[in-house]
Protein backbone atom coordinates (compact mmCIF):
# COMPACT_ATOMS: atom_id res chain seq x y z
CA UNK A 1 98.73 135.96 138.57
CA UNK A 2 101.89 134.25 139.52
CA UNK A 3 102.65 137.61 141.44
CA UNK A 4 100.06 137.03 143.52
CA UNK A 5 100.23 133.30 145.03
CA UNK A 6 104.25 134.02 145.48
CA UNK A 7 102.41 136.62 147.95
CA UNK A 8 99.92 134.61 149.28
CA UNK A 9 102.60 131.49 150.08
CA UNK A 10 105.05 133.80 151.52
CA UNK A 11 101.46 135.55 153.71
CA UNK A 12 100.77 131.15 154.78
CA UNK A 13 104.57 130.56 155.61
CA UNK A 14 104.51 133.73 157.75
CA UNK A 15 102.12 132.18 160.19
CA UNK A 16 104.05 129.49 161.56
CA UNK A 17 106.08 132.52 163.96
CA UNK A 18 102.71 133.91 164.60
CA UNK A 19 101.33 130.10 165.45
CA UNK A 20 104.33 129.27 167.15
CA UNK A 21 104.22 133.06 169.32
CA UNK A 22 100.67 131.98 170.15
CA UNK A 23 101.55 128.40 171.13
CA UNK A 24 104.47 129.79 173.88
CA UNK A 25 102.17 132.42 175.40
CA UNK A 26 98.98 130.59 176.06
CA UNK A 27 101.57 127.62 177.15
CA UNK A 28 103.14 130.36 179.58
CA UNK A 29 99.53 132.05 180.92
CA UNK A 30 98.07 128.32 181.62
CA UNK A 31 100.74 127.70 183.73
CA UNK A 32 100.16 131.12 185.43
CA UNK A 33 96.66 130.71 186.02
CA UNK A 34 95.19 129.75 189.41
CA UNK A 35 94.03 126.60 190.16
CA UNK A 36 95.54 122.97 189.53
CA UNK A 37 93.73 120.20 187.06
CA UNK A 38 95.64 117.63 189.29
CA UNK A 39 93.70 119.65 192.91
CA UNK A 40 90.88 119.75 189.96
CA UNK A 41 90.18 116.40 189.08
CA UNK A 42 91.26 114.38 192.73
CA UNK A 43 88.92 117.07 194.09
CA UNK A 44 86.01 114.56 192.72
CA UNK A 45 87.22 111.79 194.21
CA UNK A 46 87.18 110.54 197.52
CA UNK A 47 90.14 108.89 199.68
CA UNK A 48 93.11 110.58 197.42
CA UNK A 49 95.86 110.64 199.09
CA UNK A 50 99.35 112.40 198.15
CA UNK A 51 100.40 108.87 196.05
CA UNK A 52 97.99 109.47 193.91
CA UNK A 53 98.52 112.99 193.29
CA UNK A 54 101.55 112.35 193.01
CA UNK A 55 101.19 109.47 190.54
CA UNK A 56 99.09 111.53 188.93
CA UNK A 57 100.29 115.07 187.98
CA UNK A 58 103.84 112.49 186.70
CA UNK A 59 100.88 110.48 184.62
CA UNK A 60 100.45 114.02 183.19
CA UNK A 61 104.23 115.38 182.59
CA UNK A 62 103.36 118.05 185.40
CA UNK A 63 106.35 117.19 187.77
CA UNK A 64 108.70 118.24 185.28
CA UNK A 65 110.64 121.81 185.07
CA UNK A 66 108.27 124.15 182.94
CA UNK A 67 110.66 124.48 179.99
CA UNK A 68 111.17 121.03 180.14
CA UNK A 69 107.03 120.97 179.66
CA UNK A 70 107.16 123.38 176.94
CA UNK A 71 109.96 121.40 175.09
CA UNK A 72 107.98 118.66 175.11
CA UNK A 73 104.46 120.70 174.15
CA UNK A 74 106.51 122.50 170.84
CA UNK A 75 108.31 118.80 170.14
CA UNK A 76 105.03 117.30 169.93
CA UNK A 77 103.77 120.50 167.79
CA UNK A 78 106.19 119.24 165.09
CA UNK A 79 105.19 116.30 164.65
CA UNK A 80 101.56 117.44 163.82
CA UNK A 81 100.66 116.23 168.06
CA UNK A 82 98.69 118.47 170.18
CA UNK A 83 98.99 116.35 172.86
CA UNK A 84 95.21 114.57 174.75
CA UNK A 85 92.86 116.10 176.79
CA UNK A 86 93.16 116.16 180.63
CA UNK A 87 89.77 115.99 181.59
CA UNK A 88 88.75 112.81 178.69
CA UNK A 89 91.69 111.66 178.34
CA UNK A 90 91.23 111.98 173.88
CA UNK A 91 93.55 113.41 171.55
CA UNK A 92 92.72 116.78 171.57
CA UNK A 93 92.36 116.94 167.84
CA UNK A 94 89.36 114.00 167.42
CA UNK A 95 87.88 116.66 171.06
CA UNK A 96 88.45 119.69 168.39
CA UNK A 97 87.10 118.39 165.41
CA UNK A 98 84.41 116.85 166.28
CA UNK A 99 83.07 120.43 167.86
CA UNK A 100 84.32 122.31 165.47
CA UNK A 101 81.42 121.61 162.85
CA UNK A 102 79.14 122.98 165.32
CA UNK A 103 80.92 126.52 165.91
CA UNK A 104 81.29 127.22 162.09
CA UNK A 105 77.97 126.12 161.21
CA UNK A 106 76.42 129.13 163.74
CA UNK A 107 79.47 131.12 162.43
CA UNK A 108 78.12 130.32 159.19
CA UNK A 109 74.55 131.27 159.78
CA UNK A 110 75.64 134.48 161.61
CA UNK A 111 77.42 135.58 159.10
CA UNK A 112 74.67 134.73 156.71
CA UNK A 113 71.52 136.59 158.59
CA UNK A 114 74.40 139.60 158.81
CA UNK A 115 75.07 140.61 155.61
CA UNK A 116 71.58 140.17 154.85
CA UNK A 117 70.27 142.40 157.06
CA UNK A 118 72.93 145.02 156.35
CA UNK A 119 74.18 145.21 153.59
CA UNK A 120 70.70 146.32 152.47
CA UNK A 121 70.14 148.62 155.50
CA UNK A 122 72.86 150.12 154.61
CA UNK A 123 72.55 150.67 151.34
CA UNK A 124 68.44 151.89 151.59
CA UNK A 125 70.09 154.17 154.46
CA UNK A 126 72.27 155.65 152.42
CA UNK A 127 70.05 156.73 148.99
CA UNK A 128 67.86 157.81 151.75
CA UNK A 129 69.27 160.18 153.46
CA UNK A 130 68.47 161.80 156.32
CA UNK A 131 65.22 160.45 155.19
CA UNK A 132 62.89 158.82 158.69
CA UNK A 133 64.11 155.46 157.20
CA UNK A 134 67.50 156.61 157.61
CA UNK A 135 67.13 157.07 161.20
CA UNK A 136 64.89 154.26 162.11
CA UNK A 137 68.46 152.05 160.43
CA UNK A 138 70.43 153.71 162.25
CA UNK A 139 69.14 153.72 165.49
CA UNK A 140 68.42 149.99 165.04
CA UNK A 141 72.33 149.28 163.83
CA UNK A 142 73.37 151.33 167.12
CA UNK A 143 70.91 148.92 169.75
CA UNK A 144 72.09 145.83 168.05
CA UNK A 145 75.76 146.99 168.61
CA UNK A 146 74.95 148.14 171.97
CA UNK A 147 72.92 144.98 173.14
CA UNK A 148 75.00 142.62 174.64
CA UNK A 149 75.07 138.85 173.25
CA UNK A 150 73.89 136.82 176.43
CA UNK A 151 71.04 139.44 177.23
CA UNK A 152 70.16 139.57 173.77
CA UNK A 153 69.83 135.24 174.07
CA UNK A 154 68.21 135.07 177.16
CA UNK A 155 65.65 137.76 175.52
CA UNK A 156 65.13 136.28 172.48
CA UNK A 157 64.66 132.68 174.28
CA UNK A 158 62.14 133.57 176.49
CA UNK A 159 60.03 135.39 174.07
CA UNK A 160 60.35 132.72 170.99
CA UNK A 161 60.78 129.81 173.22
CA UNK A 162 59.16 129.94 176.21
CA UNK A 163 56.12 132.22 175.70
CA UNK A 164 55.21 131.80 172.08
CA UNK A 165 56.74 128.54 171.34
CA UNK A 166 58.60 128.90 167.77
CA UNK A 167 61.36 127.78 168.62
CA UNK A 168 63.64 125.38 170.56
CA UNK A 169 65.82 126.86 173.26
CA UNK A 170 68.90 125.20 173.49
CA UNK A 171 70.85 122.33 171.62
CA UNK A 172 71.43 122.17 168.19
CA UNK A 173 68.98 119.51 166.26
CA UNK A 174 66.49 117.19 168.08
CA UNK A 175 67.49 113.80 170.01
CA UNK A 176 66.57 111.36 166.65
CA UNK A 177 66.38 114.19 164.27
CA UNK A 178 70.33 113.95 163.27
CA UNK A 179 71.18 113.66 159.24
CA UNK A 180 73.89 111.01 158.44
CA UNK A 181 76.75 112.41 159.27
CA UNK A 182 79.20 113.97 156.00
CA UNK A 183 80.38 116.72 156.56
CA UNK A 184 79.18 117.31 159.95
CA UNK A 185 76.63 121.10 159.06
CA UNK A 186 73.71 119.77 159.73
CA UNK A 187 71.73 121.58 157.48
CA UNK A 188 74.27 120.50 154.56
CA UNK A 189 74.03 116.50 155.33
CA UNK A 190 70.24 117.15 156.11
CA UNK A 191 70.00 118.64 152.24
CA UNK A 192 72.72 116.34 151.33
CA UNK A 193 71.10 113.37 151.89
CA UNK A 194 67.76 114.92 151.12
CA UNK A 195 66.77 114.11 155.63
CA UNK A 196 64.05 117.44 154.78
CA UNK A 197 62.64 117.08 158.84
CA UNK A 198 66.42 117.33 160.40
CA UNK A 199 66.61 119.89 157.92
CA UNK A 200 64.00 122.08 159.46
CA UNK A 201 64.72 120.97 162.74
CA UNK A 202 68.44 122.06 162.19
CA UNK A 203 66.94 125.52 161.12
CA UNK A 204 65.18 125.62 164.06
CA UNK A 205 68.00 125.17 166.16
CA UNK A 206 69.67 127.95 164.33
CA UNK A 207 67.87 130.67 164.15
CA UNK A 208 67.66 132.45 167.86
CA UNK A 209 71.83 131.49 168.40
CA UNK A 210 72.51 133.07 164.90
CA UNK A 211 70.09 135.85 165.36
CA UNK A 212 72.06 136.76 168.42
CA UNK A 213 75.24 136.26 167.52
CA UNK A 214 74.81 138.30 164.51
CA UNK A 215 73.20 141.36 165.74
CA UNK A 216 76.16 143.07 166.99
CA UNK A 217 77.32 142.15 163.63
CA UNK A 218 74.84 143.36 161.26
CA UNK A 219 74.55 147.22 163.34
CA UNK A 220 78.27 147.20 162.96
CA UNK A 221 78.34 146.12 158.85
CA UNK A 222 75.41 148.57 158.36
CA UNK A 223 76.97 151.83 159.45
CA UNK A 224 80.39 150.91 157.51
CA UNK A 225 78.14 150.27 154.24
CA UNK A 226 75.85 153.40 154.56
CA UNK A 227 78.78 155.60 155.45
CA UNK A 228 81.09 153.70 152.27
CA UNK A 229 77.29 154.11 150.02
CA UNK A 230 77.50 157.80 151.14
CA UNK A 231 81.06 158.55 150.15
CA UNK A 232 81.32 156.09 146.37
CA UNK A 233 77.99 158.69 145.50
CA UNK A 234 79.59 161.30 145.37
CA UNK A 235 82.70 160.60 143.74
CA UNK A 236 82.76 161.68 139.89
CA UNK A 237 82.30 157.90 138.80
CA UNK A 238 78.90 157.54 139.66
CA UNK A 239 77.60 161.54 138.71
CA UNK A 240 79.36 161.28 135.44
CA UNK A 241 77.23 157.29 134.53
CA UNK A 242 74.27 158.92 136.05
CA UNK A 243 74.80 161.58 133.49
CA UNK A 244 75.16 159.52 130.80
CA UNK A 245 71.88 158.34 131.74
CA UNK A 246 72.37 154.69 133.21
CA UNK A 247 69.62 153.43 135.34
CA UNK A 248 69.89 154.07 138.58
CA UNK A 249 69.48 150.61 139.52
CA UNK A 250 72.73 149.94 137.70
CA UNK A 251 74.56 153.20 139.00
CA UNK A 252 73.57 151.85 142.90
CA UNK A 253 74.49 148.50 142.05
CA UNK A 254 77.70 148.15 139.12
CA UNK A 255 79.21 151.58 140.48
CA UNK A 256 78.64 152.43 143.82
CA UNK A 257 78.18 149.35 145.63
CA UNK A 258 80.96 147.50 144.08
CA UNK A 259 83.45 149.99 145.40
CA UNK A 260 81.82 150.26 148.33
CA UNK A 261 82.40 147.07 149.56
CA UNK A 262 85.98 147.14 149.56
CA UNK A 263 86.20 149.07 152.90
CA UNK A 264 83.07 146.89 154.27
CA UNK A 265 84.89 143.78 153.17
CA UNK A 266 87.75 144.71 155.69
CA UNK A 267 84.96 144.52 159.04
CA UNK A 268 83.17 141.88 157.82
CA UNK A 269 87.13 140.34 157.86
CA UNK A 270 87.34 140.67 161.23
CA UNK A 271 84.11 139.84 162.02
CA UNK A 272 83.90 136.47 161.04
CA UNK A 273 87.25 135.87 163.49
CA UNK A 274 85.07 136.99 166.19
CA UNK A 275 82.10 135.25 164.74
CA UNK A 276 84.53 131.71 165.17
CA UNK A 277 86.38 132.89 167.73
CA UNK A 278 84.35 134.77 170.45
CA UNK A 279 80.61 132.90 170.33
CA UNK A 280 81.76 131.36 173.93
CA UNK A 281 78.86 133.63 175.46
CA UNK A 282 76.19 132.05 173.13
CA UNK A 283 77.07 128.94 172.64
CA UNK A 284 76.89 128.46 176.83
CA UNK A 285 73.23 130.48 177.16
CA UNK A 286 71.83 127.75 173.69
CA UNK A 287 73.61 124.80 174.83
CA UNK A 288 75.12 124.74 170.90
CA UNK A 289 77.70 122.01 171.76
CA UNK A 290 80.89 124.17 169.59
CA UNK A 291 84.29 125.00 170.09
CA UNK A 292 83.94 128.25 172.29
CA UNK A 293 81.74 125.77 174.60
CA UNK A 294 84.60 122.92 174.68
CA UNK A 295 86.35 125.74 175.58
CA UNK A 296 84.51 127.51 178.08
CA UNK A 297 84.38 124.02 180.63
CA UNK A 298 88.63 122.86 179.27
CA UNK A 299 89.25 126.55 181.46
CA UNK A 300 86.90 125.78 183.72
CA UNK A 301 88.77 122.30 183.91
CA UNK A 302 92.57 124.01 183.79
CA UNK A 303 92.64 121.44 180.79
CA UNK A 304 95.59 122.91 179.46
CA UNK A 305 96.43 120.40 175.83
CA UNK A 306 92.39 121.66 174.86
CA UNK A 307 92.21 125.69 176.08
CA UNK A 308 95.88 125.85 173.73
CA UNK A 309 95.33 124.41 170.87
CA UNK A 310 91.77 125.88 171.01
CA UNK A 311 93.39 128.69 170.79
CA UNK A 312 96.10 127.92 167.88
CA UNK A 313 92.72 127.42 166.33
CA UNK A 314 91.80 130.89 166.68
CA UNK A 315 94.21 132.44 166.34
CA UNK A 316 95.34 131.16 162.82
CA UNK A 317 91.46 130.97 161.93
CA UNK A 318 91.76 135.48 162.56
CA UNK A 319 95.18 135.17 160.31
CA UNK A 320 93.22 132.99 157.36
CA UNK A 321 90.28 135.13 157.10
CA UNK A 322 92.30 138.46 157.27
CA UNK A 323 94.27 136.80 154.16
CA UNK A 324 91.41 136.00 152.70
CA UNK A 325 89.83 139.42 152.91
CA UNK A 326 92.91 140.46 151.01
CA UNK A 327 92.42 138.41 148.29
CA UNK A 328 89.15 139.39 148.24
CA UNK A 329 90.31 142.90 147.59
CA UNK A 330 91.96 142.07 144.13
CA UNK A 331 89.10 140.72 142.95
CA UNK A 332 87.02 144.35 143.61
CA UNK A 333 90.12 146.38 142.72
CA UNK A 334 92.36 144.63 140.20
CA UNK A 335 94.76 148.08 141.26
CA UNK A 336 95.33 146.72 145.00
CA UNK A 337 98.36 143.80 145.47
CA UNK A 338 98.75 142.45 148.79
C-alpha cells in the first residue's frame, strides 16, 4: 500500500513539467494566432487614437518583448497567479471557478447517461451474440459514434423543445429557480437544500445537453464492453464457474463483467477527459454557461490569459483522470501496479 502511495505521488509530481510545457506551448501559439486583443477591444469604441491604443497595450503588458511577457507569465504561475482577463479585467481564477461547476455537472450527467446506457447494452449484446438484439444494439452504438454533436443537439432542440415542448432549449436553470449555492452544482445544491422545484427544473435543462454529449461516449463504451465481455466469456475460469453450477447471473456479474471492465475503464477514463474538455460545441449550442463556452468567447476576443489558464485546466484534467484510471486498475485487478 505504501508503495502505491509513493507511485501516486511520483505521478502527481510528473504533472509539473507537463503543465509547464503546456503553459509555454499555449502562450506561444496564442501569440502566433492572427488578431490582436487591443485592436478587437478598441474596434468596439469610436474616436480611438493611436495614443489610446499604445496606452492600452502598455497597460496589458503587450508592448514588451515576447520573452519578457513569457517570463512574467511563468513567474505569475509560480505564485499561483493566472493573470487577469483582458476582456472583463477580472482575475482569471475567478472566471474559471465561476464557470467550472456548470461544466463538471454537465460532464457528470453525460457520463452517467453514457454508462447507464452503454454497459447494459454491451453486456446483453455479448450474451446474445449475433442475435437481432446484438445487431440492433451495435447499429445504434455506431449511429451514436457517427452523429456530430452539433447535429444531434439541434435535432434534440427541434424535436423535444420546439415541437413537443417537453424540455427547455437552452440555459442551465430557469431564472428565479436557482438554489442556494453550496457546491455550485445546481442538482446537488437543490438536494442539499431540499429545493425540489429547482432540482426538477435543473434536471430538465440537463437532459438534452447531457444526452447530446454522452451519446458518442455511450457508443464507444458499448462496443468496448461487448468485445471485452466476448473475450472474457470464453476464458477458462468462466467456463469452470459454469461447470461448477454457479448461477448464470453470478457468472456474468462477478466473474465476467468485473474482468471485462478493465479495458473499459481505459476508454472511460479517456472519455471523461473529453467530456470535460471537449464540450465547447455542446455548451455553445445549448447556451450552457460552462468553461467550454467561456473559452470559445475568449478565443474570439483573443483573451490570452483566460485561454492559457483554461487550456492548462483541461490538460491537468486529462492527467488526473488518467491517474485515477490507473488507480482503479489496481482495485479491479490487485495483481496490477501503477
